[in-house]
All heavy atoms as atom14 arrays in JSON, in Angstrom:
{
  "sequence": "AAGVRAEEAVAAALAQIAEAARTGLGRMTQ",
  "atom14_mask": [
    [1, 1, 1, 1, 1, 0, 0, 0, 0, 0, 0, 0, 0, 0],
    [1, 1, 1, 1, 1, 0, 0, 0, 0, 0, 0, 0, 0, 0],
    [1, 1, 1, 1, 0, 0, 0, 0, 0, 0, 0, 0, 0, 0],
    [1, 1, 1, 1, 1, 1, 1, 0, 0, 0, 0, 0, 0, 0],
    [1, 1, 1, 1, 1, 1, 1, 1, 1, 1, 1, 0, 0, 0],
    [1, 1, 1, 1, 1, 0, 0, 0, 0, 0, 0, 0, 0, 0],
    [1, 1, 1, 1, 1, 1, 1, 1, 1, 0, 0, 0, 0, 0],
    [1, 1, 1, 1, 1, 1, 1, 1, 1, 0, 0, 0, 0, 0],
    [1, 1, 1, 1, 1, 0, 0, 0, 0, 0, 0, 0, 0, 0],
    [1, 1, 1, 1, 1, 1, 1, 0, 0, 0, 0, 0, 0, 0],
    [1, 1, 1, 1, 1, 0, 0, 0, 0, 0, 0, 0, 0, 0],
    [1, 1, 1, 1, 1, 0, 0, 0, 0, 0, 0, 0, 0, 0],
    [1, 1, 1, 1, 1, 0, 0, 0, 0, 0, 0, 0, 0, 0],
    [1, 1, 1, 1, 1, 1, 1, 1, 0, 0, 0, 0, 0, 0],
    [1, 1, 1, 1, 1, 0, 0, 0, 0, 0, 0, 0, 0, 0],
    [1, 1, 1, 1, 1, 1, 1, 1, 1, 0, 0, 0, 0, 0],
    [1, 1, 1, 1, 1, 1, 1, 1, 0, 0, 0, 0, 0, 0],
    [1, 1, 1, 1, 1, 0, 0, 0, 0, 0, 0, 0, 0, 0],
    [1, 1, 1, 1, 1, 1, 1, 1, 1, 0, 0, 0, 0, 0],
    [1, 1, 1, 1, 1, 0, 0, 0, 0, 0, 0, 0, 0, 0],
    [1, 1, 1, 1, 1, 0, 0, 0, 0, 0, 0, 0, 0, 0],
    [1, 1, 1, 1, 1, 1, 1, 1, 1, 1, 1, 0, 0, 0],
    [1, 1, 1, 1, 1, 1, 1, 0, 0, 0, 0, 0, 0, 0],
    [1, 1, 1, 1, 0, 0, 0, 0, 0, 0, 0, 0, 0, 0],
    [1, 1, 1, 1, 1, 1, 1, 1, 0, 0, 0, 0, 0, 0],
    [1, 1, 1, 1, 0, 0, 0, 0, 0, 0, 0, 0, 0, 0],
    [1, 1, 1, 1, 1, 1, 1, 1, 1, 1, 1, 0, 0, 0],
    [1, 1, 1, 1, 1, 1, 1, 1, 0, 0, 0, 0, 0, 0],
    [1, 1, 1, 1, 1, 1, 1, 0, 0, 0, 0, 0, 0, 0],
    [1, 1, 1, 1, 1, 1, 1, 1, 1, 0, 0, 0, 0, 0]
  ],
  "atom14_positions": [
    [[-3.05, -3.12, 22.3], [-2.54, -1.8, 21.73], [-1.45, -2.08, 20.58], [-1.5, -1.48, 19.6], [-1.95, -0.97, 22.85], [0.0, 0.0, 0.0], [0.0, 0.0, 0.0], [0.0, 0.0, 0.0], [0.0, 0.0, 0.0], [0.0, 0.0, 0.0], [0.0, 0.0, 0.0], [0.0, 0.0, 0.0], [0.0, 0.0, 0.0], [0.0, 0.0, 0.0]],
    [[-0.6, -3.04, 20.88], [0.4, -3.35, 19.9], [-0.12, -3.95, 18.65], [0.27, -3.67, 17.61], [1.41, -4.37, 20.49], [0.0, 0.0, 0.0], [0.0, 0.0, 0.0], [0.0, 0.0, 0.0], [0.0, 0.0, 0.0], [0.0, 0.0, 0.0], [0.0, 0.0, 0.0], [0.0, 0.0, 0.0], [0.0, 0.0, 0.0], [0.0, 0.0, 0.0]],
    [[-1.27, -4.79, 18.87], [-1.91, -5.35, 17.64], [-2.59, -4.29, 16.81], [-2.58, -4.34, 15.62], [0.0, 0.0, 0.0], [0.0, 0.0, 0.0], [0.0, 0.0, 0.0], [0.0, 0.0, 0.0], [0.0, 0.0, 0.0], [0.0, 0.0, 0.0], [0.0, 0.0, 0.0], [0.0, 0.0, 0.0], [0.0, 0.0, 0.0], [0.0, 0.0, 0.0]],
    [[-3.26, -3.28, 17.48], [-3.83, -2.22, 16.74], [-2.84, -1.43, 15.97], [-3.01, -1.11, 14.83], [-4.59, -1.29, 17.76], [-5.08, -0.04, 16.97], [-5.79, -2.0, 18.3], [0.0, 0.0, 0.0], [0.0, 0.0, 0.0], [0.0, 0.0, 0.0], [0.0, 0.0, 0.0], [0.0, 0.0, 0.0], [0.0, 0.0, 0.0], [0.0, 0.0, 0.0]],
    [[-1.69, -1.11, 16.62], [-0.61, -0.45, 15.85], [-0.09, -1.19, 14.69], [0.16, -0.7, 13.72], [0.52, -0.05, 16.87], [0.07, 1.06, 17.85], [1.4, 1.55, 18.57], [1.99, 0.55, 19.38], [1.77, 0.24, 20.6], [0.74, 0.99, 21.23], [2.3, -0.66, 21.31], [0.0, 0.0, 0.0], [0.0, 0.0, 0.0], [0.0, 0.0, 0.0]],
    [[0.08, -2.52, 14.85], [0.55, -3.37, 13.88], [-0.5, -3.39, 12.66], [-0.03, -3.4, 11.53], [0.8, -4.81, 14.39], [0.0, 0.0, 0.0], [0.0, 0.0, 0.0], [0.0, 0.0, 0.0], [0.0, 0.0, 0.0], [0.0, 0.0, 0.0], [0.0, 0.0, 0.0], [0.0, 0.0, 0.0], [0.0, 0.0, 0.0], [0.0, 0.0, 0.0]],
    [[-1.74, -3.53, 12.99], [-2.75, -3.56, 11.93], [-2.78, -2.21, 11.16], [-2.89, -2.17, 9.98], [-4.14, -3.78, 12.57], [-4.3, -5.25, 13.05], [-5.67, -5.42, 13.66], [-6.41, -4.42, 13.85], [-6.02, -6.59, 14.14], [0.0, 0.0, 0.0], [0.0, 0.0, 0.0], [0.0, 0.0, 0.0], [0.0, 0.0, 0.0], [0.0, 0.0, 0.0]],
    [[-2.6, -1.06, 11.93], [-2.53, 0.21, 11.25], [-1.32, 0.27, 10.3], [-1.4, 0.82, 9.24], [-2.47, 1.3, 12.27], [-3.84, 1.45, 13.04], [-3.66, 2.46, 14.21], [-2.56, 2.92, 14.46], [-4.82, 2.83, 14.69], [0.0, 0.0, 0.0], [0.0, 0.0, 0.0], [0.0, 0.0, 0.0], [0.0, 0.0, 0.0], [0.0, 0.0, 0.0]],
    [[-0.19, -0.19, 10.79], [1.01, -0.26, 10.03], [0.86, -1.09, 8.74], [1.31, -0.67, 7.64], [2.2, -0.67, 10.82], [0.0, 0.0, 0.0], [0.0, 0.0, 0.0], [0.0, 0.0, 0.0], [0.0, 0.0, 0.0], [0.0, 0.0, 0.0], [0.0, 0.0, 0.0], [0.0, 0.0, 0.0], [0.0, 0.0, 0.0], [0.0, 0.0, 0.0]],
    [[0.26, -2.31, 8.85], [0.01, -3.15, 7.71], [-0.93, -2.48, 6.69], [-0.76, -2.51, 5.45], [-0.62, -4.49, 8.17], [-1.08, -5.32, 6.94], [0.46, -5.29, 8.94], [0.0, 0.0, 0.0], [0.0, 0.0, 0.0], [0.0, 0.0, 0.0], [0.0, 0.0, 0.0], [0.0, 0.0, 0.0], [0.0, 0.0, 0.0], [0.0, 0.0, 0.0]],
    [[-2.02, -1.82, 7.24], [-2.98, -1.16, 6.38], [-2.27, -0.01, 5.58], [-2.45, 0.2, 4.37], [-4.1, -0.56, 7.15], [0.0, 0.0, 0.0], [0.0, 0.0, 0.0], [0.0, 0.0, 0.0], [0.0, 0.0, 0.0], [0.0, 0.0, 0.0], [0.0, 0.0, 0.0], [0.0, 0.0, 0.0], [0.0, 0.0, 0.0], [0.0, 0.0, 0.0]],
    [[-1.38, 0.72, 6.25], [-0.64, 1.82, 5.6], [0.22, 1.3, 4.52], [0.43, 1.7, 3.36], [0.11, 2.57, 6.59], [0.0, 0.0, 0.0], [0.0, 0.0, 0.0], [0.0, 0.0, 0.0], [0.0, 0.0, 0.0], [0.0, 0.0, 0.0], [0.0, 0.0, 0.0], [0.0, 0.0, 0.0], [0.0, 0.0, 0.0], [0.0, 0.0, 0.0]],
    [[0.93, 0.13, 4.86], [1.88, -0.47, 3.88], [1.08, -0.93, 2.67], [1.53, -0.76, 1.51], [2.62, -1.63, 4.63], [0.0, 0.0, 0.0], [0.0, 0.0, 0.0], [0.0, 0.0, 0.0], [0.0, 0.0, 0.0], [0.0, 0.0, 0.0], [0.0, 0.0, 0.0], [0.0, 0.0, 0.0], [0.0, 0.0, 0.0], [0.0, 0.0, 0.0]],
    [[-0.06, -1.64, 2.87], [-0.86, -2.14, 1.78], [-1.34, -0.96, 0.91], [-1.39, -1.15, -0.36], [-2.09, -2.89, 2.33], [-1.71, -4.27, 2.92], [-2.99, -4.88, 3.53], [-1.08, -5.25, 1.94], [0.0, 0.0, 0.0], [0.0, 0.0, 0.0], [0.0, 0.0, 0.0], [0.0, 0.0, 0.0], [0.0, 0.0, 0.0], [0.0, 0.0, 0.0]],
    [[-1.71, 0.1, 1.52], [-2.13, 1.27, 0.73], [-0.97, 1.8, -0.16], [-1.17, 2.18, -1.3], [-2.62, 2.38, 1.69], [0.0, 0.0, 0.0], [0.0, 0.0, 0.0], [0.0, 0.0, 0.0], [0.0, 0.0, 0.0], [0.0, 0.0, 0.0], [0.0, 0.0, 0.0], [0.0, 0.0, 0.0], [0.0, 0.0, 0.0], [0.0, 0.0, 0.0]],
    [[0.25, 1.84, 0.46], [1.39, 2.25, -0.32], [1.67, 1.31, -1.46], [2.0, 1.8, -2.63], [2.59, 2.37, 0.61], [2.52, 3.59, 1.58], [3.73, 3.6, 2.53], [4.56, 2.7, 2.45], [3.79, 4.64, 3.35], [0.0, 0.0, 0.0], [0.0, 0.0, 0.0], [0.0, 0.0, 0.0], [0.0, 0.0, 0.0], [0.0, 0.0, 0.0]],
    [[1.58, 0.05, -1.27], [1.8, -1.01, -2.29], [0.78, -0.88, -3.37], [1.13, -0.87, -4.6], [1.75, -2.39, -1.65], [2.99, -2.66, -0.74], [1.76, -3.43, -2.74], [2.89, -3.95, 0.05], [0.0, 0.0, 0.0], [0.0, 0.0, 0.0], [0.0, 0.0, 0.0], [0.0, 0.0, 0.0], [0.0, 0.0, 0.0], [0.0, 0.0, 0.0]],
    [[-0.44, -0.6, -3.0], [-1.55, -0.41, -4.1], [-1.3, 0.76, -4.86], [-1.46, 0.74, -6.13], [-2.9, -0.38, -3.35], [0.0, 0.0, 0.0], [0.0, 0.0, 0.0], [0.0, 0.0, 0.0], [0.0, 0.0, 0.0], [0.0, 0.0, 0.0], [0.0, 0.0, 0.0], [0.0, 0.0, 0.0], [0.0, 0.0, 0.0], [0.0, 0.0, 0.0]],
    [[-0.88, 1.87, -4.25], [-0.65, 3.11, -5.0], [0.57, 2.86, -5.93], [0.57, 3.35, -7.07], [-0.34, 4.24, -4.01], [-0.07, 5.56, -4.65], [-1.21, 6.05, -5.52], [-2.36, 5.67, -5.24], [-0.93, 6.79, -6.52], [0.0, 0.0, 0.0], [0.0, 0.0, 0.0], [0.0, 0.0, 0.0], [0.0, 0.0, 0.0], [0.0, 0.0, 0.0]],
    [[1.61, 2.19, -5.47], [2.75, 1.93, -6.29], [2.32, 0.99, -7.44], [2.83, 1.24, -8.58], [3.83, 1.31, -5.48], [0.0, 0.0, 0.0], [0.0, 0.0, 0.0], [0.0, 0.0, 0.0], [0.0, 0.0, 0.0], [0.0, 0.0, 0.0], [0.0, 0.0, 0.0], [0.0, 0.0, 0.0], [0.0, 0.0, 0.0], [0.0, 0.0, 0.0]],
    [[1.5, 0.05, -7.21], [1.03, -0.81, -8.33], [0.23, -0.07, -9.32], [0.38, -0.25, -10.51], [0.16, -2.01, -7.71], [0.0, 0.0, 0.0], [0.0, 0.0, 0.0], [0.0, 0.0, 0.0], [0.0, 0.0, 0.0], [0.0, 0.0, 0.0], [0.0, 0.0, 0.0], [0.0, 0.0, 0.0], [0.0, 0.0, 0.0], [0.0, 0.0, 0.0]],
    [[-0.68, 0.85, -8.84], [-1.44, 1.7, -9.8], [-0.58, 2.54, -10.65], [-0.66, 2.74, -11.88], [-2.45, 2.51, -9.07], [-3.7, 1.75, -8.58], [-4.76, 2.73, -8.21], [-4.35, 3.44, -6.97], [-4.65, 3.03, -5.77], [-5.38, 1.9, -5.61], [-4.31, 3.81, -4.71], [0.0, 0.0, 0.0], [0.0, 0.0, 0.0], [0.0, 0.0, 0.0]],
    [[0.46, 3.16, -9.97], [1.41, 3.95, -10.76], [2.21, 3.24, -11.73], [2.34, 3.59, -12.9], [2.38, 4.69, -9.8], [1.62, 5.46, -8.76], [3.36, 5.58, -10.52], [0.0, 0.0, 0.0], [0.0, 0.0, 0.0], [0.0, 0.0, 0.0], [0.0, 0.0, 0.0], [0.0, 0.0, 0.0], [0.0, 0.0, 0.0], [0.0, 0.0, 0.0]],
    [[2.67, 2.04, -11.27], [3.47, 1.18, -12.23], [2.55, 0.63, -13.39], [3.07, 0.64, -14.52], [0.0, 0.0, 0.0], [0.0, 0.0, 0.0], [0.0, 0.0, 0.0], [0.0, 0.0, 0.0], [0.0, 0.0, 0.0], [0.0, 0.0, 0.0], [0.0, 0.0, 0.0], [0.0, 0.0, 0.0], [0.0, 0.0, 0.0], [0.0, 0.0, 0.0]],
    [[1.34, 0.28, -13.1], [0.42, -0.2, -14.13], [0.2, 0.9, -15.17], [0.14, 0.61, -16.37], [-0.83, -0.68, -13.53], [-1.9, -1.19, -14.55], [-1.3, -2.39, -15.33], [-3.15, -1.61, -13.85], [0.0, 0.0, 0.0], [0.0, 0.0, 0.0], [0.0, 0.0, 0.0], [0.0, 0.0, 0.0], [0.0, 0.0, 0.0], [0.0, 0.0, 0.0]],
    [[-0.03, 2.18, -14.66], [-0.24, 3.29, -15.56], [0.9, 3.53, -16.48], [0.83, 3.79, -17.6], [0.0, 0.0, 0.0], [0.0, 0.0, 0.0], [0.0, 0.0, 0.0], [0.0, 0.0, 0.0], [0.0, 0.0, 0.0], [0.0, 0.0, 0.0], [0.0, 0.0, 0.0], [0.0, 0.0, 0.0], [0.0, 0.0, 0.0], [0.0, 0.0, 0.0]],
    [[2.1, 3.43, -15.87], [3.31, 3.62, -16.68], [3.54, 2.6, -17.64], [3.91, 2.82, -18.85], [4.57, 3.75, -15.73], [5.83, 4.03, -16.46], [5.82, 5.26, -17.32], [7.07, 5.49, -18.0], [7.18, 6.19, -19.13], [6.08, 6.8, -19.56], [8.37, 6.37, -19.68], [0.0, 0.0, 0.0], [0.0, 0.0, 0.0], [0.0, 0.0, 0.0]],
    [[3.23, 1.31, -17.34], [3.39, 0.2, -18.14], [2.43, 0.31, -19.37], [2.72, 0.05, -20.53], [3.12, -1.15, -17.44], [4.28, -1.52, -16.57], [3.94, -3.02, -15.63], [3.88, -4.19, -17.04], [0.0, 0.0, 0.0], [0.0, 0.0, 0.0], [0.0, 0.0, 0.0], [0.0, 0.0, 0.0], [0.0, 0.0, 0.0], [0.0, 0.0, 0.0]],
    [[1.17, 0.73, -19.1], [0.18, 0.99, -20.08], [0.59, 2.07, -21.06], [0.46, 1.87, -22.25], [-1.15, 1.37, -19.43], [-1.6, 0.32, -18.54], [-2.27, 1.48, -20.54], [0.0, 0.0, 0.0], [0.0, 0.0, 0.0], [0.0, 0.0, 0.0], [0.0, 0.0, 0.0], [0.0, 0.0, 0.0], [0.0, 0.0, 0.0], [0.0, 0.0, 0.0]],
    [[1.17, 3.06, -20.54], [1.67, 4.18, -21.33], [2.83, 3.74, -22.24], [2.82, 4.03, -23.48], [2.12, 5.38, -20.49], [2.7, 6.55, -21.31], [3.13, 7.66, -20.44], [3.11, 7.61, -19.19], [3.72, 8.69, -21.0], [0.0, 0.0, 0.0], [0.0, 0.0, 0.0], [0.0, 0.0, 0.0], [0.0, 0.0, 0.0], [0.0, 0.0, 0.0]]
  ]
}
């Protein structure tokens, strides 16, 4: 159960990092 919760937390963090990277890349391109 703890492993599942940790994997879900990692997936959510990676999604946030990817979104931040896309936003940053778009701003840098602009």
